[in-house]
């Protein structure tokens, strides 16, 4: 049976590294975590992730992020392919101080516009009969209507993920080719017209853990001299499209490494 890997409540730490460091981190983390099943059989161990972010006309959730508001949320509809029969996921991601809380409901593609128009979810609108999916969709739609949110931005990347063998206590992801473009419609195509690459060829490393900080991760931070930073894909993408650089986009100097040792810095 497929294990539910979603971490409903968690802490997140983010780092931006060059690809050589990311490859060395891959070798390191395999001693502690397993490759996520979605990456099994993929030539680069990664799978595509696409999200349509919703925001108000005044860009409330974006403004909350760049202003560093401690209690904020994001509204996104996530999908993984172009198949009409595949679900999309209404995701509500909240930050309460340093804790991240996430709700996620599976929705049939034909029902998206109907639900966004305020209709009550019916049995033919959702993929799962689990009550938590219905609650997640209801909360998502409520906030959409509360702030008048509309589709704003398409964010896409390739994700290489590692997870514990039989629980969801920790998850490490390596996100590459992070790109963004304006997308003012409820359409779910993996094709992008003229995307901008938010961090170029750099890789965003994220550790997500539910309780105790893993000791092995502290060792990994020390070995690779990682420096925690902000890496908000939606907010940084919007800033890039607007021609601005928010304070949390300041990236640590990227270095090329051989194995687990340090090599000369890149220009």
Protein backbone atom coordinates (compact mmCIF):
# COMPACT_ATOMS: atom_id res chain seq x y z
CA UNK A 1 0.00 0.00 0.00
CA UNK A 2 1.27 3.48 -0.88
CA UNK A 3 2.43 5.43 2.16
CA UNK A 4 0.98 8.91 2.63
CA UNK A 5 4.13 11.09 2.73
CA UNK A 6 2.46 14.46 3.21
CA UNK A 7 3.68 16.24 6.35
CA UNK A 8 0.64 18.13 7.65
CA UNK A 9 2.74 20.01 10.21
CA UNK A 10 6.48 20.46 9.83
CA UNK A 11 9.55 22.65 10.01
CA UNK A 12 11.45 23.65 6.88
CA UNK A 13 15.06 24.64 6.28
CA UNK A 14 16.26 25.80 2.85
CA UNK A 15 19.67 26.09 1.21
CA UNK A 16 20.79 27.09 -2.30
CA UNK A 17 23.76 25.17 -3.74
CA UNK A 18 25.46 24.48 -7.06
CA UNK A 19 24.79 21.19 -8.84
CA UNK A 20 28.11 19.56 -7.88
CA UNK A 21 27.27 20.09 -4.21
CA UNK A 22 23.75 18.75 -4.82
CA UNK A 23 25.20 15.56 -6.33
CA UNK A 24 27.46 15.11 -3.29
CA UNK A 25 24.47 15.68 -0.98
CA UNK A 26 22.63 12.97 -2.91
CA UNK A 27 25.41 10.50 -2.10
CA UNK A 28 25.43 11.56 1.54
CA UNK A 29 21.67 11.40 2.15
CA UNK A 30 21.29 7.92 0.65
CA UNK A 31 22.90 6.55 3.80
CA UNK A 32 19.89 7.76 5.79
CA UNK A 33 16.86 8.07 3.49
CA UNK A 34 15.31 6.23 0.54
CA UNK A 35 14.58 7.67 -2.89
CA UNK A 36 10.95 8.81 -3.13
CA UNK A 37 8.92 6.29 -5.15
CA UNK A 38 8.06 8.98 -7.73
CA UNK A 39 11.73 9.22 -8.66
CA UNK A 40 12.29 5.48 -9.04
CA UNK A 41 13.08 4.59 -12.66
CA UNK A 42 13.65 8.21 -13.68
CA UNK A 43 17.02 8.82 -15.36
CA UNK A 44 17.79 11.76 -13.07
CA UNK A 45 15.82 10.41 -10.05
CA UNK A 46 13.50 13.42 -10.38
CA UNK A 47 9.88 14.05 -11.30
CA UNK A 48 8.17 17.24 -12.56
CA UNK A 49 6.17 19.46 -10.21
CA UNK A 50 3.82 22.19 -11.46
CA UNK A 51 1.83 24.69 -9.40
CA UNK A 52 -0.61 27.46 -10.31
CA UNK A 53 -0.45 30.07 -7.54
CA UNK A 54 -3.57 32.08 -6.74
CA UNK A 55 -3.47 35.58 -5.26
CA UNK A 56 -5.62 38.67 -4.88
CA UNK A 57 -5.51 41.62 -7.27
CA UNK A 58 -3.33 43.40 -4.68
CA UNK A 59 -1.10 40.29 -4.39
CA UNK A 60 -1.82 39.78 -0.69
CA UNK A 61 -0.01 36.47 -0.19
CA UNK A 62 3.02 37.73 -2.12
CA UNK A 63 3.16 40.91 -0.03
CA UNK A 64 2.83 38.91 3.18
CA UNK A 65 5.86 36.85 2.14
CA UNK A 66 8.19 39.68 1.13
CA UNK A 67 7.19 41.63 4.26
CA UNK A 68 8.14 38.63 6.41
CA UNK A 69 4.76 38.31 8.13
CA UNK A 70 5.02 35.46 10.63
CA UNK A 71 1.47 34.20 10.08
CA UNK A 72 0.74 33.86 6.38
CA UNK A 73 -0.45 31.39 3.77
CA UNK A 74 -0.18 30.45 0.11
CA UNK A 75 -2.87 29.12 -2.23
CA UNK A 76 -1.76 26.85 -5.04
CA UNK A 77 -3.17 24.16 -7.32
CA UNK A 78 -0.55 21.48 -7.92
CA UNK A 79 -0.38 18.96 -10.77
CA UNK A 80 2.19 16.60 -12.21
CA UNK A 81 1.21 15.85 -15.82
CA UNK A 82 -1.10 16.81 -18.71
CA UNK A 83 -3.49 13.87 -18.46
CA UNK A 84 -7.14 15.00 -18.24
CA UNK A 85 -7.95 12.10 -15.91
CA UNK A 86 -5.18 12.93 -13.43
CA UNK A 87 -6.10 14.82 -10.27
CA UNK A 88 -5.02 18.30 -9.31
CA UNK A 89 -4.38 19.17 -5.69
CA UNK A 90 -5.79 22.18 -3.87
CA UNK A 91 -3.01 23.05 -1.41
CA UNK A 92 -3.25 25.49 1.46
CA UNK A 93 0.18 26.10 2.98
CA UNK A 94 0.24 28.13 6.20
CA UNK A 95 3.18 29.47 8.16
CA UNK A 96 2.56 30.02 11.87
CA UNK A 97 5.76 31.51 13.27
CA UNK A 98 8.36 28.85 12.37
CA UNK A 99 5.95 25.96 11.78
CA UNK A 100 4.54 25.03 8.37
CA UNK A 101 1.04 23.51 8.20
CA UNK A 102 -0.32 22.07 4.99
CA UNK A 103 -3.74 20.89 3.83
CA UNK A 104 -4.20 19.13 0.50
CA UNK A 105 -7.33 17.90 -1.29
CA UNK A 106 -7.50 15.92 -4.53
CA UNK A 107 -9.84 17.40 -7.14
CA UNK A 108 -10.95 16.30 -10.60
CA UNK A 109 -9.85 18.74 -13.29
CA UNK A 110 -13.30 19.28 -14.73
CA UNK A 111 -14.51 20.46 -11.29
CA UNK A 112 -11.92 23.18 -10.67
CA UNK A 113 -13.77 26.12 -12.21
CA UNK A 114 -17.05 25.00 -10.62
CA UNK A 115 -15.50 24.93 -7.16
CA UNK A 116 -13.76 28.26 -7.69
CA UNK A 117 -17.15 29.74 -8.56
CA UNK A 118 -18.32 28.83 -5.07
CA UNK A 119 -20.29 25.64 -5.63
CA UNK A 120 -20.29 23.10 -2.79
CA UNK A 121 -17.99 20.12 -3.55
CA UNK A 122 -19.97 17.06 -4.60
CA UNK A 123 -19.05 13.36 -4.73
CA UNK A 124 -18.13 13.67 -8.42
CA UNK A 125 -15.72 16.57 -7.80
CA UNK A 126 -13.14 14.88 -5.55
CA UNK A 127 -10.99 11.80 -6.05
CA UNK A 128 -11.00 10.81 -2.38
CA UNK A 129 -13.91 10.27 -0.01
CA UNK A 130 -11.62 10.91 2.96
CA UNK A 131 -13.09 13.74 5.05
CA UNK A 132 -9.73 15.50 5.33
CA UNK A 133 -9.70 16.06 1.56
CA UNK A 134 -13.15 17.63 1.68
CA UNK A 135 -12.13 19.89 4.58
CA UNK A 136 -8.94 20.92 2.74
CA UNK A 137 -10.90 21.85 -0.40
CA UNK A 138 -13.50 23.77 1.62
CA UNK A 139 -10.83 25.77 3.47
CA UNK A 140 -8.99 26.47 0.22
CA UNK A 141 -12.11 27.75 -1.54
CA UNK A 142 -13.10 29.83 1.51
CA UNK A 143 -9.78 31.71 1.47
CA UNK A 144 -9.89 32.10 -2.32
CA UNK A 145 -13.26 33.80 -2.02
CA UNK A 146 -12.24 35.79 1.07
CA UNK A 147 -9.40 37.61 -0.71
CA UNK A 148 -10.78 37.36 -4.25
CA UNK A 149 -7.86 35.21 -5.40
CA UNK A 150 -7.32 34.39 -9.07
CA UNK A 151 -4.63 32.41 -10.93
CA UNK A 152 -1.48 34.51 -11.16
CA UNK A 153 1.70 32.49 -11.70
CA UNK A 154 2.83 29.07 -12.95
CA UNK A 155 5.85 27.66 -11.09
CA UNK A 156 7.57 24.47 -12.27
CA UNK A 157 10.68 22.48 -11.38
CA UNK A 158 12.13 18.98 -11.24
CA UNK A 159 12.20 17.44 -7.77
CA UNK A 160 14.51 14.74 -6.48
CA UNK A 161 13.18 13.62 -3.09
CA UNK A 162 14.34 11.32 -0.29
CA UNK A 163 12.16 9.95 2.52
CA UNK A 164 12.41 7.59 5.51
CA UNK A 165 11.65 3.94 4.87
CA UNK A 166 8.28 3.77 6.63
CA UNK A 167 7.21 7.13 8.06
CA UNK A 168 7.08 10.86 7.26
CA UNK A 169 9.38 12.17 9.99
CA UNK A 170 11.80 13.79 7.55
CA UNK A 171 12.02 14.58 3.85
CA UNK A 172 14.88 16.04 1.85
CA UNK A 173 14.30 17.50 -1.61
CA UNK A 174 16.60 18.78 -4.36
CA UNK A 175 14.74 21.11 -6.73
CA UNK A 176 16.26 21.96 -10.11
CA UNK A 177 15.27 24.05 -13.15
CA UNK A 178 12.97 26.27 -11.07
CA UNK A 179 11.09 28.47 -13.50
CA UNK A 180 8.11 30.78 -13.47
CA UNK A 181 5.79 32.75 -15.74
CA UNK A 182 2.50 34.64 -15.59
CA UNK A 183 -0.53 32.36 -15.81
CA UNK A 184 -3.92 34.07 -15.31
CA UNK A 185 -6.13 31.03 -16.05
CA UNK A 186 -7.39 27.75 -14.59
CA UNK A 187 -5.58 25.64 -17.16
CA UNK A 188 -3.20 22.84 -16.27
CA UNK A 189 -0.58 22.29 -18.95
CA UNK A 190 3.03 21.40 -18.22
CA UNK A 191 4.11 23.48 -21.23
CA UNK A 192 5.40 26.97 -20.51
CA UNK A 193 5.69 29.74 -23.12
CA UNK A 194 8.59 31.95 -21.94
CA UNK A 195 9.55 30.95 -18.41
CA UNK A 196 12.16 32.75 -16.33
CA UNK A 197 14.63 30.65 -14.33
CA UNK A 198 14.47 31.93 -10.77
CA UNK A 199 17.93 30.77 -9.60
CA UNK A 200 19.53 29.80 -12.90
CA UNK A 201 21.31 26.45 -12.61
CA UNK A 202 21.39 26.51 -8.82
CA UNK A 203 19.64 23.80 -6.78
CA UNK A 204 17.31 24.47 -3.85
CA UNK A 205 17.81 21.97 -1.01
CA UNK A 206 14.98 21.67 1.50
CA UNK A 207 14.81 19.65 4.71
CA UNK A 208 11.30 19.14 6.07
CA UNK A 209 10.98 17.44 9.44
CA UNK A 210 8.03 16.93 11.76
CA UNK A 211 9.56 16.79 15.21
CA UNK A 212 13.19 16.41 16.24
CA UNK A 213 15.94 17.87 14.04
CA UNK A 214 17.72 14.83 12.52
CA UNK A 215 21.30 14.46 13.79
CA UNK A 216 22.53 13.30 10.39
CA UNK A 217 21.25 16.50 8.84
CA UNK A 218 23.30 18.60 11.21
CA UNK A 219 26.33 16.61 10.10
CA UNK A 220 25.43 17.22 6.45
CA UNK A 221 25.20 20.97 7.04
CA UNK A 222 28.64 20.91 8.65
CA UNK A 223 30.28 18.71 5.99
CA UNK A 224 29.06 20.84 3.08
CA UNK A 225 29.23 24.18 4.92
CA UNK A 226 25.60 24.89 4.04
CA UNK A 227 24.11 28.27 4.87
CA UNK A 228 20.41 28.56 5.52
CA UNK A 229 18.58 31.11 3.38
CA UNK A 230 15.17 32.04 2.04
CA UNK A 231 14.03 30.40 -1.19
CA UNK A 232 10.37 31.21 -1.81
CA UNK A 233 9.64 29.95 -5.32
CA UNK A 234 6.43 31.96 -5.78
CA UNK A 235 7.53 35.22 -4.18
CA UNK A 236 11.01 35.18 -5.70
CA UNK A 237 9.55 34.35 -9.10
CA UNK A 238 7.11 37.26 -8.93
CA UNK A 239 9.93 39.59 -7.88
CA UNK A 240 12.05 38.40 -10.79
CA UNK A 241 9.22 39.00 -13.27
CA UNK A 242 8.69 42.46 -11.79
CA UNK A 243 12.40 43.25 -12.08
CA UNK A 244 13.02 43.51 -8.34
CA UNK A 245 15.15 41.56 -5.87
CA UNK A 246 13.53 40.94 -2.46
CA UNK A 247 15.80 40.72 0.55
CA UNK A 248 15.33 36.96 0.92
CA UNK A 249 16.76 36.32 -2.56
CA UNK A 250 20.28 37.09 -1.33
CA UNK A 251 22.03 33.82 -2.09
CA UNK A 252 25.11 32.39 -0.38
CA UNK A 253 28.19 32.21 -2.57
CA UNK A 254 28.02 28.97 -4.55
CA UNK A 255 31.03 26.69 -4.50
CA UNK A 256 32.04 23.65 -6.51
CA UNK A 257 32.98 20.62 -4.44
CA UNK A 258 34.67 17.31 -5.18
CA UNK A 259 33.31 14.51 -3.02
CA UNK A 260 32.85 16.01 0.44
CA UNK A 261 35.80 18.37 0.29
CA UNK A 262 35.84 22.03 -0.76
CA UNK A 263 37.17 23.14 -4.12
CA UNK A 264 37.81 26.68 -5.41
CA UNK A 265 34.78 28.96 -5.60
CA UNK A 266 33.03 29.57 -8.91
CA UNK A 267 32.94 32.99 -10.56
